[in-house]
PDB file of N, CA and C in Angstrom:
ATOM      1  N   MET A   1     207.740  25.708 141.255  1.00  0.00           N
ATOM      2  CA  MET A   1     207.299  26.329 141.559  1.00  0.00           C
ATOM      3  C   MET A   1     206.513  27.652 140.422  1.00  0.00           C
ATOM      4  N   TYR A   2     205.183  27.669 140.526  1.00  0.00           N
ATOM      5  CA  TYR A   2     204.653  28.675 139.739  1.00  0.00           C
ATOM      6  C   TYR A   2     204.025  30.186 140.140  1.00  0.00           C
ATOM      7  N   ILE A   3     204.777  31.206 139.882  1.00  0.00           N
ATOM      8  CA  ILE A   3     204.149  32.572 140.456  1.00  0.00           C
ATOM      9  C   ILE A   3     203.356  33.123 139.554  1.00  0.00           C
ATOM     10  N   SER A   4     202.090  33.513 140.072  1.00  0.00           N
ATOM     11  CA  SER A   4     201.044  33.997 139.091  1.00  0.00           C
ATOM     12  C   SER A   4     201.220  35.603 138.893  1.00  0.00           C
ATOM     13  N   ARG A   5     201.050  36.183 137.942  1.00  0.00           N
ATOM     14  CA  ARG A   5     201.274  37.670 137.681  1.00  0.00           C
ATOM     15  C   ARG A   5     200.041  38.587 137.783  1.00  0.00           C
ATOM     16  N   ILE A   6     199.691  39.241 138.544  1.00  0.00           N
ATOM     17  CA  ILE A   6     198.373  39.701 138.728  1.00  0.00           C
ATOM     18  C   ILE A   6     198.383  41.220 138.276  1.00  0.00           C
ATOM     19  N   PRO A   7     197.341  41.108 137.830  1.00  0.00           N
ATOM     20  CA  PRO A   7     197.369  43.049 137.251  1.00  0.00           C
ATOM     21  C   PRO A   7     197.665  43.981 138.854  1.00  0.00           C
ATOM     22  N   GLY A   8     198.143  45.003 138.324  1.00  0.00           N
ATOM     23  CA  GLY A   8     198.352  45.660 139.349  1.00  0.00           C
ATOM     24  C   GLY A   8     200.014  45.563 139.841  1.00  0.00           C
ATOM     25  N   ASP A   9     200.634  44.731 139.028  1.00  0.00           N
ATOM     26  CA  ASP A   9     201.864  44.375 139.058  1.00  0.00           C
ATOM     27  C   ASP A   9     202.329  43.635 140.475  1.00  0.00           C
ATOM     28  N   TYR A  10     201.175  42.581 141.261  1.00  0.00           N
ATOM     29  CA  TYR A  10     201.684  41.695 142.102  1.00  0.00           C
ATOM     30  C   TYR A  10     201.788  40.342 141.737  1.00  0.00           C
ATOM     31  N   SER A  11     202.449  39.647 142.781  1.00  0.00           N
ATOM     32  CA  SER A  11     202.574  38.129 142.327  1.00  0.00           C
ATOM     33  C   SER A  11     202.328  37.886 143.819  1.00  0.00           C
ATOM     34  N   ILE A  12     201.465  36.293 143.120  1.00  0.00           N
ATOM     35  CA  ILE A  12     200.808  35.522 144.202  1.00  0.00           C
ATOM     36  C   ILE A  12     202.281  34.786 144.787  1.00  0.00           C
ATOM     37  N   TYR A  13     202.859  34.421 145.772  1.00  0.00           N
ATOM     38  CA  TYR A  13     203.548  33.619 145.987  1.00  0.00           C
ATOM     39  C   TYR A  13     202.825  32.407 146.942  1.00  0.00           C
ATOM     40  N   ALA A  14     201.879  32.620 147.827  1.00  0.00           N
ATOM     41  CA  ALA A  14     201.409  31.191 148.373  1.00  0.00           C
ATOM     42  C   ALA A  14     199.859  31.534 148.849  1.00  0.00           C
ATOM     43  N   PHE A  15     199.233  30.468 148.627  1.00  0.00           N
ATOM     44  CA  PHE A  15     197.902  30.220 148.697  1.00  0.00           C
ATOM     45  C   PHE A  15     197.658  29.716 150.235  1.00  0.00           C
ATOM     46  N   ASP A  16     196.669  30.059 150.818  1.00  0.00           N
ATOM     47  CA  ASP A  16     196.231  28.960 151.823  1.00  0.00           C
ATOM     48  C   ASP A  16     194.596  29.065 151.676  1.00  0.00           C
ATOM     49  N   TYR A  17     193.651  28.482 152.578  1.00  0.00           N
ATOM     50  CA  TYR A  17     192.500  28.556 152.452  1.00  0.00           C
ATOM     51  C   TYR A  17     192.391  28.556 154.199  1.00  0.00           C
ATOM     52  N   ASP A  18     191.774  29.628 154.385  1.00  0.00           N
ATOM     53  CA  ASP A  18     191.448  29.741 156.056  1.00  0.00           C
ATOM     54  C   ASP A  18     190.086  29.319 156.294  1.00  0.00           C
ATOM     55  N   SER A  19     190.007  28.076 156.614  1.00  0.00           N
ATOM     56  CA  SER A  19     188.397  27.314 157.121  1.00  0.00           C
ATOM     57  C   SER A  19     187.736  27.969 157.758  1.00  0.00           C
ATOM     58  N   ALA A  20     188.240  28.453 158.874  1.00  0.00           N
ATOM     59  CA  ALA A  20     187.609  29.348 159.912  1.00  0.00           C
ATOM     60  C   ALA A  20     186.886  30.562 159.945  1.00  0.00           C
ATOM     61  N   LYS A  21     187.419  31.239 158.760  1.00  0.00           N
ATOM     62  CA  LYS A  21     186.867  32.488 157.812  1.00  0.00           C
ATOM     63  C   LYS A  21     186.196  32.358 156.635  1.00  0.00           C
ATOM     64  N   ASP A  22     186.158  30.828 156.051  1.00  0.00           N
ATOM     65  CA  ASP A  22     186.019  30.734 154.573  1.00  0.00           C
ATOM     66  C   ASP A  22     186.021  31.668 153.873  1.00  0.00           C
ATOM     67  N   ARG A  23     187.624  31.768 153.812  1.00  0.00           N
ATOM     68  CA  ARG A  23     188.286  32.592 152.246  1.00  0.00           C
ATOM     69  C   ARG A  23     189.611  32.092 152.097  1.00  0.00           C
ATOM     70  N   LEU A  24     190.255  32.542 150.748  1.00  0.00           N
ATOM     71  CA  LEU A  24     191.177  32.242 150.378  1.00  0.00           C
ATOM     72  C   LEU A  24     191.959  33.478 150.479  1.00  0.00           C
ATOM     73  N   ILE A  25     193.482  33.063 151.160  1.00  0.00           N
ATOM     74  CA  ILE A  25     194.413  34.139 151.536  1.00  0.00           C
ATOM     75  C   ILE A  25     195.422  33.966 150.931  1.00  0.00           C
ATOM     76  N   ALA A  26     196.456  34.795 150.531  1.00  0.00           N
ATOM     77  CA  ALA A  26     197.381  34.709 149.728  1.00  0.00           C
ATOM     78  C   ALA A  26     198.800  35.806 150.272  1.00  0.00           C
ATOM     79  N   LEU A  27     200.034  34.948 149.980  1.00  0.00           N
ATOM     80  CA  LEU A  27     201.080  35.977 150.148  1.00  0.00           C
ATOM     81  C   LEU A  27     201.522  36.883 148.989  1.00  0.00           C
ATOM     82  N   VAL A  28     201.148  38.054 148.846  1.00  0.00           N
ATOM     83  CA  VAL A  28     201.605  38.571 147.571  1.00  0.00           C
ATOM     84  C   VAL A  28     202.905  39.445 147.341  1.00  0.00           C
ATOM     85  N   TYR A  29     203.620  40.324 146.518  1.00  0.00           N
ATOM     86  CA  TYR A  29     204.643  40.967 146.792  1.00  0.00           C
ATOM     87  C   TYR A  29     204.550  41.911 145.529  1.00  0.00           C
ATOM     88  N   PRO A  30     205.108  43.149 145.469  1.00  0.00           N
ATOM     89  CA  PRO A  30     205.366  43.881 144.413  1.00  0.00           C
ATOM     90  C   PRO A  30     206.259  43.090 143.447  1.00  0.00           C
ATOM     91  N   ALA A  31     206.146  42.927 141.833  1.00  0.00           N
ATOM     92  CA  ALA A  31     206.865  42.771 140.866  1.00  0.00           C
ATOM     93  C   ALA A  31     208.188  43.011 140.809  1.00  0.00           C
ATOM     94  N   GLY A  32     208.337  44.293 141.274  1.00  0.00           N
ATOM     95  CA  GLY A  32     209.953  44.586 140.970  1.00  0.00           C
ATOM     96  C   GLY A  32     210.558  44.078 142.764  1.00  0.00           C
ATOM     97  N   LEU A  33     210.032  43.978 143.560  1.00  0.00           N
ATOM     98  CA  LEU A  33     210.599  43.441 144.759  1.00  0.00           C
ATOM     99  C   LEU A  33     211.218  44.597 145.468  1.00  0.00           C
ATOM    100  N   THR A  34     211.063  46.101 145.302  1.00  0.00           N
ATOM    101  CA  THR A  34     211.494  47.074 145.513  1.00  0.00           C
ATOM    102  C   THR A  34     211.386  47.242 147.302  1.00  0.00           C
ATOM    103  N   ASP A  35     209.924  46.573 147.493  1.00  0.00           N
ATOM    104  CA  ASP A  35     209.660  47.142 148.805  1.00  0.00           C
ATOM    105  C   ASP A  35     210.311  46.121 149.808  1.00  0.00           C
ATOM    106  N   HIS A  36     210.824  44.995 149.459  1.00  0.00           N
ATOM    107  CA  HIS A  36     211.287  43.840 149.878  1.00  0.00           C
ATOM    108  C   HIS A  36     210.056  43.591 151.188  1.00  0.00           C
ATOM    109  N   VAL A  37     208.828  43.641 151.344  1.00  0.00           N
ATOM    110  CA  VAL A  37     208.023  42.985 151.701  1.00  0.00           C
ATOM    111  C   VAL A  37     206.756  41.984 150.840  1.00  0.00           C
ATOM    112  N   TRP A  38     206.071  41.145 151.920  1.00  0.00           N
ATOM    113  CA  TRP A  38     204.965  40.324 151.322  1.00  0.00           C
ATOM    114  C   TRP A  38     203.756  41.094 152.101  1.00  0.00           C
ATOM    115  N   TYR A  39     202.637  41.254 151.404  1.00  0.00           N
ATOM    116  CA  TYR A  39     201.336  41.745 151.726  1.00  0.00           C
ATOM    117  C   TYR A  39     200.597  40.436 152.457  1.00  0.00           C
ATOM    118  N   LEU A  40     200.103  40.192 153.336  1.00  0.00           N
ATOM    119  CA  LEU A  40     198.724  39.305 153.419  1.00  0.00           C
ATOM    120  C   LEU A  40     197.573  39.383 152.705  1.00  0.00           C
ATOM    121  N   VAL A  41     196.768  39.290 151.884  1.00  0.00           N
ATOM    122  CA  VAL A  41     195.744  39.448 151.465  1.00  0.00           C
ATOM    123  C   VAL A  41     194.551  38.579 151.271  1.00  0.00           C
ATOM    124  N   GLU A  42     193.377  38.714 151.410  1.00  0.00           N
ATOM    125  CA  GLU A  42     192.192  38.131 150.876  1.00  0.00           C
ATOM    126  C   GLU A  42     191.935  38.039 149.494  1.00  0.00           C
ATOM    127  N   VAL A  43     191.998  36.579 148.861  1.00  0.00           N
ATOM    128  CA  VAL A  43     191.659  36.749 147.613  1.00  0.00           C
ATOM    129  C   VAL A  43     190.091  36.884 147.273  1.00  0.00           C
ATOM    130  N   ILE A  44     189.583  37.803 146.486  1.00  0.00           N
ATOM    131  CA  ILE A  44     188.123  37.779 146.059  1.00  0.00           C
ATOM    132  C   ILE A  44     187.874  37.741 144.895  1.00  0.00           C
ATOM    133  N   MET A  45     187.248  36.625 144.166  1.00  0.00           N
ATOM    134  CA  MET A  45     186.847  36.431 142.784  1.00  0.00           C
ATOM    135  C   MET A  45     185.113  37.614 142.816  1.00  0.00           C
ATOM    136  N   THR A  46     185.630  38.447 141.806  1.00  0.00           N
ATOM    137  CA  THR A  46     184.558  39.463 141.492  1.00  0.00           C
ATOM    138  C   THR A  46     183.693  38.676 140.757  1.00  0.00           C
ATOM    139  N   ALA A  47     182.166  39.006 140.229  1.00  0.00           N
ATOM    140  CA  ALA A  47     181.506  38.556 139.468  1.00  0.00           C
ATOM    141  C   ALA A  47     181.803  38.578 138.067  1.00  0.00           C
ATOM    142  N   LYS A  48     183.038  39.426 137.612  1.00  0.00           N
ATOM    143  CA  LYS A  48     183.169  39.346 136.206  1.00  0.00           C
ATOM    144  C   LYS A  48     184.480  38.592 136.079  1.00  0.00           C
ATOM    145  N   GLY A  49     184.613  37.628 137.193  1.00  0.00           N
ATOM    146  CA  GLY A  49     185.786  36.372 136.967  1.00  0.00           C
ATOM    147  C   GLY A  49     186.972  37.147 137.129  1.00  0.00           C
ATOM    148  N   GLU A  50     187.342  38.280 137.962  1.00  0.00           N
ATOM    149  CA  GLU A  50     188.435  38.716 138.209  1.00  0.00           C
ATOM    150  C   GLU A  50     189.108  38.462 139.493  1.00  0.00           C
ATOM    151  N   LEU A  51     190.141  38.545 139.706  1.00  0.00           N
ATOM    152  CA  LEU A  51     190.660  38.459 141.185  1.00  0.00           C
ATOM    153  C   LEU A  51     190.837  39.776 141.738  1.00  0.00           C
ATOM    154  N   LYS A  52     190.399  40.016 142.901  1.00  0.00           N
ATOM    155  CA  LYS A  52     190.542  41.226 143.483  1.00  0.00           C
ATOM    156  C   LYS A  52     191.327  41.040 144.940  1.00  0.00           C
ATOM    157  N   PHE A  53     192.689  41.528 145.471  1.00  0.00           N
ATOM    158  CA  PHE A  53     193.025  41.570 146.525  1.00  0.00           C
ATOM    159  C   PHE A  53     192.477  42.424 147.481  1.00  0.00           C
ATOM    160  N   ASP A  54     192.087  41.898 148.799  1.00  0.00           N
ATOM    161  CA  ASP A  54     191.697  43.017 150.138  1.00  0.00           C
ATOM    162  C   ASP A  54     192.448  42.491 151.088  1.00  0.00           C
ATOM    163  N   ARG A  55     193.935  44.086 151.361  1.00  0.00           N
ATOM    164  CA  ARG A  55     194.697  43.481 152.165  1.00  0.00           C
ATOM    165  C   ARG A  55     194.551  43.361 153.434  1.00  0.00           C
ATOM    166  N   ILE A  56     194.809  42.435 154.439  1.00  0.00           N
ATOM    167  CA  ILE A  56     194.786  42.214 155.314  1.00  0.00           C
ATOM    168  C   ILE A  56     195.836  42.675 156.484  1.00  0.00           C
ATOM    169  N   GLY A  57     195.224  43.663 157.339  1.00  0.00           N
ATOM    170  CA  GLY A  57     196.176  44.141 158.206  1.00  0.00           C
ATOM    171  C   GLY A  57     196.531  45.455 157.629  1.00  0.00           C
ATOM    172  N   LYS A  58     197.654  46.312 158.412  1.00  0.00           N
ATOM    173  CA  LYS A  58     198.492  47.432 157.600  1.00  0.00           C
ATOM    174  C   LYS A  58     200.235  46.903 158.079  1.00  0.00           C
ATOM    175  N   SER A  59     200.029  45.675 158.439  1.00  0.00           N
ATOM    176  CA  SER A  59     201.645  45.396 158.708  1.00  0.00           C
ATOM    177  C   SER A  59     202.105  44.711 157.402  1.00  0.00           C
ATOM    178  N   GLU A  60     203.504  44.755 157.418  1.00  0.00           N
ATOM    179  CA  GLU A  60     204.070  44.254 156.030  1.00  0.00           C
ATOM    180  C   GLU A  60     205.344  43.223 156.669  1.00  0.00           C
ATOM    181  N   ILE A  61     205.173  42.211 156.108  1.00  0.00           N
ATOM    182  CA  ILE A  61     206.061  41.003 156.397  1.00  0.00           C
ATOM    183  C   ILE A  61     207.720  41.190 155.402  1.00  0.00           C
ATOM    184  N   PRO A  62     208.449  41.391 155.965  1.00  0.00           N
ATOM    185  CA  PRO A  62     209.622  41.734 155.605  1.00  0.00           C
ATOM    186  C   PRO A  62     210.338  40.346 154.994  1.00  0.00           C
ATOM    187  N   PHE A  63     211.066  40.660 153.746  1.00  0.00           N
ATOM    188  CA  PHE A  63     211.544  39.397 153.440  1.00  0.00           C
ATOM    189  C   PHE A  63     212.658  39.575 152.453  1.00  0.00           C
ATOM    190  N   GLU A  64     213.660  38.727 152.526  1.00  0.00           N
ATOM    191  CA  GLU A  64     214.851  39.024 151.658  1.00  0.00           C
ATOM    192  C   GLU A  64     214.714  38.660 150.151  1.00  0.00           C
ATOM    193  N   LYS A  65     215.481  39.694 149.519  1.00  0.00           N
ATOM    194  CA  LYS A  65     215.326  39.491 147.749  1.00  0.00           C
ATOM    195  C   LYS A  65     215.456  38.579 147.069  1.00  0.00           C
ATOM    196  N   SER A  66     216.494  37.186 147.661  1.00  0.00           N
ATOM    197  CA  SER A  66     216.874  36.322 147.073  1.00  0.00           C
ATOM    198  C   SER A  66     216.499  34.984 148.009  1.00  0.00           C
ATOM    199  N   PHE A  67     215.537  34.745 147.838  1.00  0.00           N
ATOM    200  CA  PHE A  67     215.262  33.180 148.850  1.00  0.00           C
ATOM    201  C   PHE A  67     215.237  32.053 147.271  1.00  0.00           C
ATOM    202  N   TRP A  68     215.873  30.664 148.126  1.00  0.00           N
ATOM    203  CA  TRP A  68     215.303  29.649 147.651  1.00  0.00           C
ATOM    204  C   TRP A  68     214.614  28.682 147.856  1.00  0.00           C
ATOM    205  N   SER A  69     214.254  28.740 149.002  1.00  0.00           N
ATOM    206  CA  SER A  69     213.017  27.712 149.114  1.00  0.00           C
ATOM    207  C   SER A  69     212.275  28.740 150.437  1.00  0.00           C
ATOM    208  N   THR A  70     211.010  28.086 150.434  1.00  0.00           N
ATOM    209  CA  THR A  70     209.815  28.642 151.299  1.00  0.00           C
ATOM    210  C   THR A  70     208.779  27.467 151.612  1.00  0.00           C
ATOM    211  N   ASN A  71     208.791  27.493 152.675  1.00  0.00           N
ATOM    212  CA  ASN A  71     207.493  26.345 153.410  1.00  0.00           C
ATOM    213  C   ASN A  71     206.707  27.177 154.530  1.00  0.00           C
ATOM    214  N   TYR A  72     205.639  27.048 154.285  1.00  0.00           N
ATOM    215  CA  TYR A  72     204.786  27.485 155.093  1.00  0.00           C
ATOM    216  C   TYR A  72     203.677  26.544 155.703  1.00  0.00           C
ATOM    217  N   ALA A  73     202.811  27.159 156.545  1.00  0.00           N
ATOM    218  CA  ALA A  73     201.405  26.699 157.495  1.00  0.00           C
ATOM    219  C   ALA A  73     200.829  27.349 157.562  1.00  0.00           C
ATOM    220  N   LEU A  74     199.353  27.118 157.918  1.00  0.00           N
ATOM    221  CA  LEU A  74     198.562  27.621 158.335  1.00  0.00           C
ATOM    222  C   LEU A  74     197.668  27.083 159.642  1.00  0.00           C
ATOM    223  N   ASP A  75     197.712  27.518 160.784  1.00  0.00           N
ATOM    224  CA  ASP A  75     196.866  26.908 161.666  1.00  0.00           C
ATOM    225  C   ASP A  75     195.611  27.758 161.769  1.00  0.00           C
ATOM    226  N   ALA A  76     194.858  27.654 161.400  1.00  0.00           N
ATOM    227  CA  ALA A  76     193.114  28.229 161.394  1.00  0.00           C
ATOM    228  C   ALA A  76     192.761  28.281 162.890  1.00  0.00           C
ATOM    229  N   GLU A  77     192.776  27.458 163.292  1.00  0.00           N
ATOM    230  CA  GLU A  77     192.156  27.420 164.686  1.00  0.00           C
ATOM    231  C   GLU A  77     193.039  28.107 165.896  1.00  0.00           C
ATOM    232  N   LYS A  78     194.564  28.573 165.927  1.00  0.00           N
ATOM    233  CA  LYS A  78     195.196  29.469 166.483  1.00  0.00           C
ATOM    234  C   LYS A  78     195.530  31.029 165.808  1.00  0.00           C
ATOM    235  N   ARG A  79     194.686  31.066 164.468  1.00  0.00           N
ATOM    236  CA  ARG A  79     195.044  32.312 163.506  1.00  0.00           C
ATOM    237  C   ARG A  79     196.488  32.189 163.325  1.00  0.00           C
ATOM    238  N   LEU A  80     197.424  31.842 163.049  1.00  0.00           N
ATOM    239  CA  LEU A  80     198.724  32.073 162.705  1.00  0.00           C
ATOM    240  C   LEU A  80     199.150  31.167 161.879  1.00  0.00           C
ATOM    241  N   ARG A  81     199.937  31.734 161.221  1.00  0.00           N
ATOM    242  CA  ARG A  81     200.712  31.266 159.419  1.00  0.00           C
ATOM    243  C   ARG A  81     201.944  31.477 160.044  1.00  0.00           C
ATOM    244  N   VAL A  82     202.743  30.144 159.774  1.00  0.00           N
ATOM    245  CA  VAL A  82     204.163  30.124 160.046  1.00  0.00           C
ATOM    246  C   VAL A  82     205.089  30.142 158.645  1.00  0.00           C
ATOM    247  N   THR A  83     205.820  30.894 158.326  1.00  0.00           N
ATOM    248  CA  THR A  83     206.340  30.905 156.858  1.00  0.00           C
ATOM    249  C   THR A  83     208.317  30.893 157.091  1.00  0.00           C
ATOM    250  N   LEU A  84     208.577  29.961 156.885  1.00  0.00           N
ATOM    251  CA  LEU A  84     210.076  29.733 157.005  1.00  0.00           C
ATOM    252  C   LEU A  84     210.757  29.687 155.340  1.00  0.00           C
ATOM    253  N   TRP A  85     211.745  31.033 155.339  1.00  0.00           N
ATOM    254  CA  TRP A  85     212.316  30.716 153.956  1.00  0.00           C
ATOM    255  C   TRP A  85     213.882  30.853 153.834  1.00  0.00           C
ATOM    256  N   GLY A  86     214.783  30.515 153.017  1.00  0.00           N
ATOM    257  CA  GLY A  86     216.173  30.559 153.328  1.00  0.00           C
ATOM    258  C   GLY A  86     216.767  31.546 152.271  1.00  0.00           C
ATOM    259  N   THR A  87     217.806  31.949 152.410  1.00  0.00           N
ATOM    260  CA  THR A  87     218.410  32.618 150.815  1.00  0.00           C
ATOM    261  C   THR A  87     219.764  32.410 150.329  1.00  0.00           C
ATOM    262  N   THR A  88     220.201  32.698 149.048  1.00  0.00           N
ATOM    263  CA  THR A  88     220.983  32.501 148.498  1.00  0.00           C
ATOM    264  C   THR A  88     222.398  32.787 148.927  1.00  0.00           C
ATOM    265  N   ASP A  89     222.210  34.053 149.036  1.00  0.00           N
ATOM    266  CA  ASP A  89     223.465  35.241 149.681  1.00  0.00           C
ATOM    267  C   ASP A  89     223.986  35.017 150.533  1.00  0.00           C
ATOM    268  N   ASP A  90     223.290  34.693 152.029  1.00  0.00           N
ATOM    269  CA  ASP A  90     223.957  34.720 153.091  1.00  0.00           C
ATOM    270  C   ASP A  90     223.769  33.455 153.892  1.00  0.00           C
ATOM    271  N   LYS A  91     223.084  32.150 152.905  1.00  0.00           N
ATOM    272  CA  LYS A  91     222.855  30.849 153.653  1.00  0.00           C
ATOM    273  C   LYS A  91     222.032  31.015 154.997  1.00  0.00           C
ATOM    274  N   LYS A  92     221.170  31.834 155.160  1.00  0.00           N
ATOM    275  CA  LYS A  92     220.376  32.398 155.972  1.00  0.00           C
ATOM    276  C   LYS A  92     218.757  31.686 155.991  1.00  0.00           C
ATOM    277  N   ASN A  93     218.019  31.430 157.204  1.00  0.00           N
ATOM    278  CA  ASN A  93     216.978  30.898 157.418  1.00  0.00           C
ATOM    279  C   ASN A  93     216.132  31.912 157.956  1.00  0.00           C
ATOM    280  N   HIS A  94     215.004  32.120 157.451  1.00  0.00           N
ATOM    281  CA  HIS A  94     214.227  33.495 158.014  1.00  0.00           C
ATOM    282  C   HIS A  94     212.602  32.782 158.375  1.00  0.00           C
ATOM    283  N   PHE A  95     212.565  32.887 160.061  1.00  0.00           N
ATOM    284  CA  PHE A  95     211.516  32.334 160.323  1.00  0.00           C
ATOM    285  C   PHE A  95     210.804  33.198 160.892  1.00  0.00           C
ATOM    286  N   PHE A  96     209.032  33.310 160.503  1.00  0.00           N
ATOM    287  CA  PHE A  96     208.435  34.377 160.598  1.00  0.00           C
ATOM    288  C   PHE A  96     207.193  33.462 161.203  1.00  0.00           C
ATOM    289  N   VAL A  97     206.322  33.783 162.440  1.00  0.00           N
ATOM    290  CA  VAL A  97     204.816  33.710 162.577  1.00  0.00           C
ATOM    291  C   VAL A  97     204.214  34.497 162.703  1.00  0.00           C
ATOM    292  N   PHE A  98     202.973  35.028 162.040  1.00  0.00           N
ATOM    293  CA  PHE A  98     202.203  36.287 162.135  1.00  0.00           C
ATOM    294  C   PHE A  98     200.617  35.734 162.132  1.00  0.00           C
ATOM    295  N   ASN A  99     199.647  36.588 162.722  1.00  0.00           N
ATOM    296  CA  ASN A  99     198.710  36.340 162.719  1.00  0.00           C
ATOM    297  C   ASN A  99     197.927  36.450 161.356  1.00  0.00           C
ATOM    298  N   VAL A 100     197.049  35.876 160.997  1.00  0.00           N
ATOM    299  CA  VAL A 100     196.092  36.070 160.032  1.00  0.00           C
ATOM    300  C   VAL A 100     194.929  37.183 159.816  1.00  0.00           C
ATOM    301  N   ASP A 101     194.561  37.650 161.072  1.00  0.00           N
ATOM    302  CA  ASP A 101     193.657  38.308 160.998  1.00  0.00           C
ATOM    303  C   ASP A 101     194.225  39.806 160.774  1.00  0.00           C
ATOM    304  N   ASN A 102     195.372  40.037 161.722  1.00  0.00           N
ATOM    305  CA  ASN A 102     195.757  41.665 161.661  1.00  0.00           C
ATOM    306  C   ASN A 102     197.271  41.803 161.588  1.00  0.00           C
ATOM    307  N   VAL A 103     197.909  40.356 160.614  1.00  0.00           N
ATOM    308  CA  VAL A 103     199.374  40.478 160.321  1.00  0.00           C
ATOM    309  C   VAL A 103     200.153  40.842 161.716  1.00  0.00           C
ATOM    310  N   LYS A 104     200.165  41.094 162.437  1.00  0.00           N
ATOM    311  CA  LYS A 104     200.853  41.292 163.540  1.00  0.00           C
ATOM    312  C   LYS A 104     201.773  40.193 163.729  1.00  0.00           C
ATOM    313  N   ILE A 105     203.246  40.428 163.847  1.00  0.00           N
ATOM    314  CA  ILE A 105     204.517  39.487 163.703  1.00  0.00           C
ATOM    315  C   ILE A 105     204.289  39.022 165.189  1.00  0.00           C
ATOM    316  N   VAL A 106     204.448  37.441 165.332  1.00  0.00           N
ATOM    317  CA  VAL A 106     204.279  36.833 166.747  1.00  0.00           C
ATOM    318  C   VAL A 106     205.855  36.720 167.197  1.00  0.00           C
ATOM    319  N   GLU A 107     206.085  35.844 166.226  1.00  0.00           N
ATOM    320  CA  GLU A 107     207.722  35.644 166.448  1.00  0.00           C
ATOM    321  C   GLU A 107     208.350  35.790 165.128  1.00  0.00           C
ATOM    322  N   GLN A 108     210.036  36.217 165.164  1.00  0.00           N
ATOM    323  CA  GLN A 108     210.832  36.269 164.404  1.00  0.00           C
ATOM    324  C   GLN A 108     212.265  35.929 164.766  1.00  0.00           C
ATOM    325  N   MET A 109     212.732  34.963 163.600  1.00  0.00           N
ATOM    326  CA  MET A 109     213.795  34.544 163.828  1.00  0.00           C
ATOM    327  C   MET A 109     214.840  34.325 162.468  1.00  0.00           C
ATOM    328  N   THR A 110     215.969  34.701 162.721  1.00  0.00           N
ATOM    329  CA  THR A 110     216.605  34.499 161.637  1.00  0.00           C
ATOM    330  C   THR A 110     217.978  33.455 162.202  1.00  0.00           C
ATOM    331  N   ALA A 111     218.453  32.447 161.177  1.00  0.00           N
ATOM    332  CA  ALA A 111     219.518  31.611 161.354  1.00  0.00           C
ATOM    333  C   ALA A 111     219.805  30.801 160.649  1.00  0.00           C
ATOM    334  N   ASN A 112     221.329  30.582 160.594  1.00  0.00           N
ATOM    335  CA  ASN A 112     221.840  29.927 159.462  1.00  0.00           C
ATOM    336  C   ASN A 112     221.381  28.127 159.454  1.00  0.00           C
ATOM    337  N   LEU A 113     222.001  27.532 158.427  1.00  0.00           N
ATOM    338  CA  LEU A 113     221.470  26.004 158.366  1.00  0.00           C
ATOM    339  C   LEU A 113     221.914  25.246 159.923  1.00  0.00           C
ATOM    340  N   THR A 114     223.319  25.441 159.985  1.00  0.00           N
ATOM    341  CA  THR A 114     223.580  24.696 161.377  1.00  0.00           C
ATOM    342  C   THR A 114     222.614  24.808 162.276  1.00  0.00           C
ATOM    343  N   GLU A 115     222.504  26.307 162.967  1.00  0.00           N
ATOM    344  CA  GLU A 115     221.641  26.678 163.694  1.00  0.00           C
ATOM    345  C   GLU A 115     220.554  26.046 164.089  1.00  0.00           C
ATOM    346  N   LEU A 116     219.691  25.870 162.595  1.00  0.00           N
ATOM    347  CA  LEU A 116     218.481  25.542 162.472  1.00  0.00           C
ATOM    348  C   LEU A 116     218.472  23.766 162.830  1.00  0.00           C
ATOM    349  N   SER A 117     219.691  23.087 162.310  1.00  0.00           N
ATOM    350  CA  SER A 117     219.855  22.089 162.502  1.00  0.00           C
ATOM    351  C   SER A 117     220.046  21.188 163.817  1.00  0.00           C
ATOM    352  N   ASN A 118     220.813  22.233 165.032  1.00  0.00           N
ATOM    353  CA  ASN A 118     221.203  22.142 165.885  1.00  0.00           C
ATOM    354  C   ASN A 118     219.682  22.445 166.918  1.00  0.00           C
ATOM    355  N   LEU A 119     218.737  22.973 166.215  1.00  0.00           N
ATOM    356  CA  LEU A 119     217.864  23.604 167.257  1.00  0.00           C
ATOM    357  C   LEU A 119     216.836  22.243 167.061  1.00  0.00           C
ATOM    358  N   ALA A 120     216.599  21.654 165.952  1.00  0.00           N
ATOM    359  CA  ALA A 120     215.587  20.459 165.543  1.00  0.00           C
ATOM    360  C   ALA A 120     216.488  19.432 166.233  1.00  0.00           C
ATOM    361  N   CYS A 121     217.504  19.071 166.315  1.00  0.00           N
ATOM    362  CA  CYS A 121     217.913  17.794 167.162  1.00  0.00           C
ATOM    363  C   CYS A 121     217.998  17.732 168.476  1.00  0.00           C
ATOM    364  N   PHE A 122     218.308  18.926 169.200  1.00  0.00           N
ATOM    365  CA  PHE A 122     217.578  19.577 170.558  1.00  0.00           C
ATOM    366  C   PHE A 122     216.373  19.493 170.550  1.00  0.00           C
ATOM    367  N   ASP A 123     215.497  19.387 169.935  1.00  0.00           N
ATOM    368  CA  ASP A 123     213.848  19.718 169.953  1.00  0.00           C
ATOM    369  C   ASP A 123     213.438  18.235 170.162  1.00  0.00           C
ATOM    370  N   SER A 124     214.260  17.348 169.227  1.00  0.00           N
ATOM    371  CA  SER A 124     213.751  16.002 169.183  1.00  0.00           C
ATOM    372  C   SER A 124     214.260  15.148 170.528  1.00  0.00           C
ATOM    373  N   ILE A 125     215.318  15.677 171.321  1.00  0.00           N
ATOM    374  CA  ILE A 125     215.587  14.661 172.348  1.00  0.00           C
ATOM    375  C   ILE A 125     214.583  14.714 173.563  1.00  0.00           C
TER     376      ILE A 125
END
């Protein structure tokens, strides 16, 4: 995984192309991780070839400071982004679904690996 350093002391963690609005969006976070939040932004290339972030909505997406894996997907039609990450310290998995237009959290759940495995097995029956 490559994390890009961006002026303003932010890092880009994940990019998505929002085809419904023809825009590039990204999850970014402060380099110091002191806020423990991600921000959803529209990534804009200026005429000078510089990247500019335009924060989407005012909500903040909480995350743990130590995570070892992240999976995400964008549903452009339903305007939702699904994010799942696991932490190293408590072996928990954090699941968030949020709206990509206003960053309102639609669903949030924390579970350990066993609970997620049980949910996956149950859903497949």
